[in-house]
């Protein structure tokens, strides 16, 4: 089985992007609902934090889709997802069914973070704007 087709990294980037793109778009069209949700965590300057989150999610999504600056975007999204995971999916502070649901989200985010780290390390693949990181070029740099 050959797993070196340039379509594979593109599909992977698109799959990782889905959660960030839909979340960013949701912030644009449901701003007040997101402010209410964030206020449950008693965060300061919620509109500013929400705007930053929206920009990170949408700009990061564009970078991952196109492959342009995908390594940087993956690294930024990794740290963003780390913060969101700790702030919003702290299952250790919840009880009952809510704890189980939050733990599932926590574990899902860990998997997404792992994929982002792999993307930050290996690059977006051949089908990307501004970066050409297929296997032979990567081997030549090492």
N, C-alpha and C. Protein backbone atom coordinates (compact mmCIF):
# COMPACT_ATOMS: atom_id res chain seq x y z
N UNK A 1 0.85 -1.18 0.00
CA UNK A 1 0.00 0.00 0.00
C UNK A 1 0.90 1.24 0.00
N UNK A 2 0.62 2.17 -0.91
CA UNK A 2 1.38 3.40 -0.99
C UNK A 2 0.60 4.52 -0.31
N UNK A 3 1.22 5.10 0.69
CA UNK A 3 0.57 6.19 1.41
C UNK A 3 1.29 7.52 1.18
N UNK A 4 1.86 7.67 -0.01
CA UNK A 4 2.62 8.87 -0.30
C UNK A 4 1.92 9.79 -1.30
N UNK A 5 0.67 9.54 -1.60
CA UNK A 5 -0.05 10.36 -2.56
C UNK A 5 -0.24 11.77 -1.97
N UNK A 6 -0.02 12.82 -2.76
CA UNK A 6 -0.14 14.19 -2.24
C UNK A 6 -1.55 14.57 -1.82
N UNK A 7 -2.53 13.76 -2.19
CA UNK A 7 -3.90 14.04 -1.77
C UNK A 7 -4.09 13.76 -0.27
N UNK A 8 -3.34 12.83 0.29
CA UNK A 8 -3.52 12.44 1.70
C UNK A 8 -3.29 13.59 2.68
N UNK A 9 -2.18 14.35 2.58
CA UNK A 9 -2.03 15.48 3.51
C UNK A 9 -3.12 16.53 3.32
N UNK A 10 -3.56 16.75 2.08
CA UNK A 10 -4.63 17.71 1.83
C UNK A 10 -5.92 17.27 2.52
N UNK A 11 -6.27 16.01 2.37
CA UNK A 11 -7.48 15.49 3.03
C UNK A 11 -7.34 15.62 4.55
N UNK A 12 -6.18 15.28 5.06
CA UNK A 12 -5.94 15.42 6.50
C UNK A 12 -6.10 16.86 6.97
N UNK A 13 -5.54 17.81 6.20
CA UNK A 13 -5.67 19.22 6.57
C UNK A 13 -7.13 19.64 6.56
N UNK A 14 -7.87 19.21 5.56
CA UNK A 14 -9.29 19.58 5.48
C UNK A 14 -10.08 18.99 6.65
N UNK A 15 -9.76 17.77 7.02
CA UNK A 15 -10.48 17.13 8.13
C UNK A 15 -10.20 17.84 9.46
N UNK A 16 -8.94 18.22 9.68
CA UNK A 16 -8.60 18.95 10.91
C UNK A 16 -9.23 20.33 10.90
N UNK A 17 -9.31 20.93 9.72
CA UNK A 17 -9.84 22.29 9.58
C UNK A 17 -11.32 22.37 9.92
N UNK A 18 -12.06 21.33 9.64
CA UNK A 18 -13.53 21.37 9.78
C UNK A 18 -13.97 21.91 11.14
N UNK A 19 -13.39 21.44 12.21
CA UNK A 19 -13.83 21.86 13.54
C UNK A 19 -13.53 23.33 13.79
N UNK A 20 -12.39 23.82 13.29
CA UNK A 20 -12.03 25.22 13.51
C UNK A 20 -12.85 26.15 12.61
N UNK A 21 -13.04 25.76 11.37
CA UNK A 21 -13.81 26.60 10.44
C UNK A 21 -15.26 26.75 10.90
N UNK A 22 -15.89 25.64 11.25
CA UNK A 22 -17.30 25.73 11.68
C UNK A 22 -17.43 26.48 13.00
N UNK A 23 -16.47 26.33 13.88
CA UNK A 23 -16.50 27.06 15.15
C UNK A 23 -16.31 28.56 14.91
N UNK A 24 -15.37 28.92 14.05
CA UNK A 24 -15.15 30.34 13.74
C UNK A 24 -16.35 30.97 13.08
N UNK A 25 -16.96 30.26 12.13
CA UNK A 25 -18.17 30.77 11.47
C UNK A 25 -19.30 30.90 12.49
N UNK A 26 -19.40 29.93 13.41
CA UNK A 26 -20.42 30.00 14.46
C UNK A 26 -20.24 31.23 15.34
N UNK A 27 -19.00 31.62 15.57
CA UNK A 27 -18.75 32.81 16.38
C UNK A 27 -19.21 34.07 15.64
N UNK A 28 -19.04 34.09 14.32
CA UNK A 28 -19.48 35.24 13.53
C UNK A 28 -20.99 35.39 13.59
N UNK A 29 -21.71 34.28 13.40
CA UNK A 29 -23.16 34.35 13.27
C UNK A 29 -23.93 34.16 14.58
N UNK A 30 -23.26 33.75 15.64
CA UNK A 30 -23.92 33.58 16.95
C UNK A 30 -23.10 34.24 18.04
N UNK A 31 -22.71 35.46 17.79
CA UNK A 31 -21.84 36.19 18.70
C UNK A 31 -22.41 36.22 20.12
N UNK A 32 -23.65 36.64 20.28
CA UNK A 32 -24.22 36.81 21.63
C UNK A 32 -24.33 35.47 22.36
N UNK A 33 -24.66 34.40 21.65
CA UNK A 33 -24.71 33.08 22.29
C UNK A 33 -23.33 32.66 22.79
N UNK A 34 -22.31 32.97 22.01
CA UNK A 34 -20.94 32.64 22.42
C UNK A 34 -20.50 33.49 23.60
N UNK A 35 -20.91 34.75 23.65
CA UNK A 35 -20.60 35.60 24.80
C UNK A 35 -21.24 35.01 26.05
N UNK A 36 -22.49 34.58 25.93
CA UNK A 36 -23.18 33.97 27.09
C UNK A 36 -22.46 32.71 27.55
N UNK A 37 -22.07 31.87 26.60
CA UNK A 37 -21.37 30.63 26.96
C UNK A 37 -20.04 30.93 27.65
N UNK A 38 -19.28 31.86 27.10
CA UNK A 38 -17.99 32.19 27.68
C UNK A 38 -18.14 32.82 29.06
N UNK A 39 -19.25 33.51 29.29
CA UNK A 39 -19.46 34.14 30.60
C UNK A 39 -19.65 33.10 31.70
N UNK A 40 -20.00 31.86 31.34
CA UNK A 40 -20.12 30.81 32.36
C UNK A 40 -18.77 30.45 32.96
N UNK A 41 -17.69 30.83 32.28
CA UNK A 41 -16.33 30.56 32.78
C UNK A 41 -15.73 31.76 33.50
N UNK A 42 -16.53 32.83 33.62
CA UNK A 42 -16.11 34.04 34.35
C UNK A 42 -14.79 34.61 33.83
N UNK A 43 -14.67 34.68 32.52
CA UNK A 43 -13.46 35.21 31.90
C UNK A 43 -13.56 36.73 31.79
N UNK A 44 -12.42 37.42 31.86
CA UNK A 44 -12.45 38.88 31.67
C UNK A 44 -12.53 39.23 30.19
N UNK A 45 -12.88 40.42 29.87
CA UNK A 45 -12.94 40.98 28.50
C UNK A 45 -13.39 39.95 27.46
N UNK A 46 -14.55 39.40 27.69
CA UNK A 46 -15.07 38.32 26.84
C UNK A 46 -15.17 38.73 25.37
N UNK A 47 -15.68 39.92 25.03
CA UNK A 47 -15.74 40.26 23.60
C UNK A 47 -14.36 40.27 22.92
N UNK A 48 -13.35 40.71 23.63
CA UNK A 48 -11.99 40.73 23.07
C UNK A 48 -11.49 39.30 22.88
N UNK A 49 -11.66 38.45 23.90
CA UNK A 49 -11.23 37.06 23.80
C UNK A 49 -11.98 36.32 22.70
N UNK A 50 -13.27 36.62 22.58
CA UNK A 50 -14.06 35.97 21.54
C UNK A 50 -13.61 36.41 20.15
N UNK A 51 -13.29 37.69 19.99
CA UNK A 51 -12.79 38.18 18.70
C UNK A 51 -11.46 37.52 18.36
N UNK A 52 -10.58 37.39 19.34
CA UNK A 52 -9.28 36.74 19.11
C UNK A 52 -9.50 35.28 18.71
N UNK A 53 -10.39 34.59 19.42
CA UNK A 53 -10.69 33.19 19.10
C UNK A 53 -11.23 33.07 17.68
N UNK A 54 -12.11 33.98 17.30
CA UNK A 54 -12.70 33.94 15.96
C UNK A 54 -11.61 34.13 14.89
N UNK A 55 -10.73 35.08 15.10
CA UNK A 55 -9.66 35.33 14.13
C UNK A 55 -8.72 34.13 14.04
N UNK A 56 -8.35 33.56 15.19
CA UNK A 56 -7.46 32.39 15.19
C UNK A 56 -8.11 31.24 14.44
N UNK A 57 -9.38 30.98 14.72
CA UNK A 57 -10.05 29.85 14.08
C UNK A 57 -10.23 30.06 12.57
N UNK A 58 -10.63 31.26 12.17
CA UNK A 58 -10.87 31.50 10.74
C UNK A 58 -9.57 31.64 9.96
N UNK A 59 -8.62 32.41 10.47
CA UNK A 59 -7.34 32.56 9.77
C UNK A 59 -6.59 31.22 9.75
N UNK A 60 -6.61 30.51 10.88
CA UNK A 60 -5.97 29.20 10.93
C UNK A 60 -6.60 28.24 9.94
N UNK A 61 -7.91 28.29 9.80
CA UNK A 61 -8.60 27.43 8.85
C UNK A 61 -8.18 27.73 7.42
N UNK A 62 -8.12 29.01 7.09
CA UNK A 62 -7.70 29.39 5.74
C UNK A 62 -6.28 28.90 5.46
N UNK A 63 -5.41 29.07 6.44
CA UNK A 63 -4.02 28.60 6.27
C UNK A 63 -3.95 27.09 6.10
N UNK A 64 -4.72 26.35 6.88
CA UNK A 64 -4.69 24.89 6.77
C UNK A 64 -5.31 24.42 5.45
N UNK A 65 -6.38 25.06 5.01
CA UNK A 65 -7.02 24.68 3.75
C UNK A 65 -6.07 24.90 2.58
N UNK A 66 -5.45 26.07 2.55
CA UNK A 66 -4.59 26.41 1.42
C UNK A 66 -3.19 25.82 1.56
N UNK A 67 -2.80 25.52 2.79
CA UNK A 67 -1.45 25.05 3.04
C UNK A 67 -0.45 26.17 3.24
N UNK A 68 -0.88 27.42 3.04
CA UNK A 68 -0.01 28.57 3.20
C UNK A 68 0.28 28.80 4.69
N UNK A 69 1.55 28.78 5.05
CA UNK A 69 1.97 28.95 6.45
C UNK A 69 1.27 27.92 7.36
N UNK A 70 1.05 26.74 6.83
CA UNK A 70 0.31 25.71 7.56
C UNK A 70 1.03 25.28 8.84
N UNK A 71 2.35 25.24 8.82
CA UNK A 71 3.09 24.85 10.03
C UNK A 71 2.86 25.84 11.15
N UNK A 72 2.96 27.12 10.82
CA UNK A 72 2.74 28.17 11.84
C UNK A 72 1.30 28.11 12.33
N UNK A 73 0.37 28.00 11.40
CA UNK A 73 -1.05 27.94 11.76
C UNK A 73 -1.33 26.73 12.66
N UNK A 74 -0.75 25.59 12.32
CA UNK A 74 -0.96 24.39 13.14
C UNK A 74 -0.41 24.59 14.55
N UNK A 75 0.73 25.24 14.65
CA UNK A 75 1.33 25.48 15.97
C UNK A 75 0.48 26.45 16.78
N UNK A 76 -0.01 27.52 16.15
CA UNK A 76 -0.89 28.47 16.84
C UNK A 76 -2.19 27.78 17.27
N UNK A 77 -2.78 27.00 16.36
CA UNK A 77 -4.00 26.28 16.69
C UNK A 77 -3.77 25.25 17.79
N UNK A 78 -2.58 24.65 17.84
CA UNK A 78 -2.24 23.73 18.92
C UNK A 78 -2.34 24.44 20.27
N UNK A 79 -1.68 25.59 20.40
CA UNK A 79 -1.69 26.31 21.68
C UNK A 79 -3.08 26.86 22.00
N UNK A 80 -3.80 27.31 20.99
CA UNK A 80 -5.17 27.78 21.18
C UNK A 80 -6.04 26.64 21.69
N UNK A 81 -5.93 25.48 21.06
CA UNK A 81 -6.74 24.33 21.48
C UNK A 81 -6.35 23.87 22.88
N UNK A 82 -5.09 23.98 23.23
CA UNK A 82 -4.64 23.65 24.58
C UNK A 82 -5.37 24.54 25.60
N UNK A 83 -5.38 25.84 25.35
CA UNK A 83 -6.03 26.77 26.28
C UNK A 83 -7.53 26.50 26.37
N UNK A 84 -8.18 26.32 25.22
CA UNK A 84 -9.62 26.05 25.19
C UNK A 84 -9.94 24.76 25.94
N UNK A 85 -9.12 23.75 25.75
CA UNK A 85 -9.34 22.45 26.38
C UNK A 85 -9.29 22.56 27.89
N UNK A 86 -8.30 23.26 28.39
CA UNK A 86 -8.15 23.40 29.85
C UNK A 86 -9.26 24.28 30.43
N UNK A 87 -9.62 25.35 29.74
CA UNK A 87 -10.64 26.28 30.25
C UNK A 87 -12.06 25.75 30.16
N UNK A 88 -12.38 25.09 29.04
CA UNK A 88 -13.78 24.73 28.80
C UNK A 88 -14.10 23.25 28.95
N UNK A 89 -13.11 22.41 29.05
CA UNK A 89 -13.38 20.97 29.15
C UNK A 89 -12.68 20.38 30.37
N UNK A 90 -12.72 21.11 31.47
CA UNK A 90 -12.08 20.67 32.72
C UNK A 90 -12.99 19.67 33.44
N UNK A 91 -12.99 18.46 32.94
CA UNK A 91 -13.87 17.40 33.46
C UNK A 91 -13.60 17.09 34.93
N UNK A 92 -12.40 17.36 35.40
CA UNK A 92 -12.04 17.10 36.79
C UNK A 92 -12.81 18.00 37.75
N UNK A 93 -13.41 19.08 37.25
CA UNK A 93 -14.18 19.97 38.10
C UNK A 93 -15.69 19.74 37.95
N UNK A 94 -16.08 18.80 37.10
CA UNK A 94 -17.50 18.53 36.85
C UNK A 94 -17.91 17.25 37.57
N UNK A 95 -19.22 17.04 37.61
CA UNK A 95 -19.74 15.83 38.24
C UNK A 95 -20.76 15.16 37.32
N UNK A 96 -20.98 13.89 37.58
CA UNK A 96 -22.02 13.14 36.88
C UNK A 96 -21.79 13.04 35.39
N UNK A 97 -22.91 13.11 34.65
CA UNK A 97 -22.86 12.98 33.19
C UNK A 97 -22.06 14.10 32.54
N UNK A 98 -22.09 15.29 33.16
CA UNK A 98 -21.35 16.42 32.61
C UNK A 98 -19.85 16.13 32.63
N UNK A 99 -19.39 15.46 33.68
CA UNK A 99 -17.96 15.11 33.76
C UNK A 99 -17.58 14.17 32.63
N UNK A 100 -18.41 13.19 32.36
CA UNK A 100 -18.14 12.25 31.28
C UNK A 100 -18.13 12.92 29.92
N UNK A 101 -19.08 13.82 29.70
CA UNK A 101 -19.14 14.54 28.43
C UNK A 101 -17.91 15.44 28.27
N UNK A 102 -17.53 16.14 29.33
CA UNK A 102 -16.36 17.02 29.25
C UNK A 102 -15.07 16.21 29.06
N UNK A 103 -15.00 15.04 29.66
CA UNK A 103 -13.81 14.20 29.47
C UNK A 103 -13.71 13.73 28.02
N UNK A 104 -14.84 13.43 27.41
CA UNK A 104 -14.84 13.03 26.00
C UNK A 104 -14.34 14.17 25.13
N UNK A 105 -14.82 15.39 25.39
CA UNK A 105 -14.35 16.56 24.63
C UNK A 105 -12.86 16.79 24.87
N UNK A 106 -12.42 16.60 26.11
CA UNK A 106 -11.01 16.77 26.46
C UNK A 106 -10.16 15.79 25.65
N UNK A 107 -10.56 14.52 25.64
CA UNK A 107 -9.80 13.50 24.90
C UNK A 107 -9.83 13.77 23.39
N UNK A 108 -10.96 14.20 22.86
CA UNK A 108 -11.07 14.54 21.44
C UNK A 108 -10.11 15.67 21.10
N UNK A 109 -10.05 16.67 21.97
CA UNK A 109 -9.15 17.78 21.72
C UNK A 109 -7.69 17.36 21.79
N UNK A 110 -7.37 16.41 22.66
CA UNK A 110 -6.00 15.90 22.70
C UNK A 110 -5.64 15.25 21.36
N UNK A 111 -6.56 14.54 20.78
CA UNK A 111 -6.32 13.91 19.47
C UNK A 111 -6.12 14.98 18.39
N UNK A 112 -6.94 16.01 18.41
CA UNK A 112 -6.79 17.11 17.45
C UNK A 112 -5.44 17.79 17.65
N UNK A 113 -5.06 18.01 18.90
CA UNK A 113 -3.77 18.64 19.20
C UNK A 113 -2.61 17.77 18.68
N UNK A 114 -2.74 16.46 18.80
CA UNK A 114 -1.72 15.57 18.26
C UNK A 114 -1.60 15.71 16.75
N UNK A 115 -2.72 15.77 16.07
CA UNK A 115 -2.71 15.97 14.62
C UNK A 115 -2.09 17.31 14.24
N UNK A 116 -2.37 18.34 15.01
CA UNK A 116 -1.79 19.66 14.75
C UNK A 116 -0.27 19.64 14.93
N UNK A 117 0.20 18.95 15.95
CA UNK A 117 1.65 18.86 16.16
C UNK A 117 2.33 18.10 15.01
N UNK A 118 1.70 17.03 14.55
CA UNK A 118 2.25 16.29 13.42
C UNK A 118 2.30 17.19 12.18
N UNK A 119 1.25 17.96 11.95
CA UNK A 119 1.22 18.89 10.81
C UNK A 119 2.28 19.97 10.96
N UNK A 120 2.43 20.51 12.18
CA UNK A 120 3.46 21.52 12.41
C UNK A 120 4.85 20.96 12.14
N UNK A 121 5.07 19.70 12.46
CA UNK A 121 6.36 19.05 12.26
C UNK A 121 6.60 18.70 10.79
N UNK A 122 5.63 18.07 10.16
CA UNK A 122 5.86 17.51 8.83
C UNK A 122 5.50 18.45 7.69
N UNK A 123 4.73 19.48 7.96
CA UNK A 123 4.33 20.40 6.91
C UNK A 123 3.07 19.97 6.20
N UNK A 124 2.59 20.81 5.28
CA UNK A 124 1.29 20.58 4.66
C UNK A 124 1.29 19.60 3.50
N UNK A 125 2.44 19.16 3.05
CA UNK A 125 2.49 18.26 1.90
C UNK A 125 2.70 19.04 0.60
N UNK A 126 2.67 18.32 -0.50
CA UNK A 126 2.96 18.91 -1.81
C UNK A 126 1.91 19.89 -2.28
N UNK A 127 0.65 19.61 -2.00
CA UNK A 127 -0.43 20.45 -2.51
C UNK A 127 -0.71 21.56 -1.51
N UNK A 128 0.15 22.56 -1.51
CA UNK A 128 0.03 23.67 -0.58
C UNK A 128 0.57 24.93 -1.24
N UNK A 129 0.02 26.05 -0.91
CA UNK A 129 0.51 27.33 -1.43
C UNK A 129 1.73 27.77 -0.62
N UNK A 130 2.78 28.11 -1.31
CA UNK A 130 3.93 28.70 -0.66
C UNK A 130 4.86 27.74 0.04
N UNK A 131 4.53 26.48 0.11
CA UNK A 131 5.39 25.49 0.77
C UNK A 131 5.40 24.23 -0.06
N UNK A 132 6.55 23.71 -0.28
CA UNK A 132 6.66 22.45 -0.99
C UNK A 132 7.49 21.51 -0.13
N UNK A 133 6.82 20.64 0.59
CA UNK A 133 7.52 19.81 1.57
C UNK A 133 7.24 18.34 1.35
N UNK A 134 7.45 17.86 0.13
CA UNK A 134 7.27 16.42 -0.04
C UNK A 134 8.51 15.70 0.47
N UNK A 135 8.43 14.43 0.59
CA UNK A 135 9.40 13.61 1.30
C UNK A 135 10.85 13.85 0.86
N UNK A 136 11.13 13.91 -0.42
CA UNK A 136 12.52 14.02 -0.86
C UNK A 136 13.12 15.37 -0.47
N UNK A 137 12.33 16.44 -0.52
CA UNK A 137 12.85 17.75 -0.11
C UNK A 137 13.10 17.80 1.38
N UNK A 138 12.21 17.18 2.16
CA UNK A 138 12.40 17.14 3.60
C UNK A 138 13.66 16.36 3.96
N UNK A 139 13.89 15.26 3.26
CA UNK A 139 15.08 14.45 3.53
C UNK A 139 16.35 15.21 3.17
N UNK A 140 16.30 16.05 2.14
CA UNK A 140 17.48 16.82 1.74
C UNK A 140 17.84 17.88 2.77
N UNK A 141 16.85 18.42 3.46
CA UNK A 141 17.11 19.46 4.46
C UNK A 141 17.72 18.88 5.72
N UNK A 142 17.49 17.61 5.99
CA UNK A 142 17.95 17.01 7.23
C UNK A 142 19.39 16.66 7.19
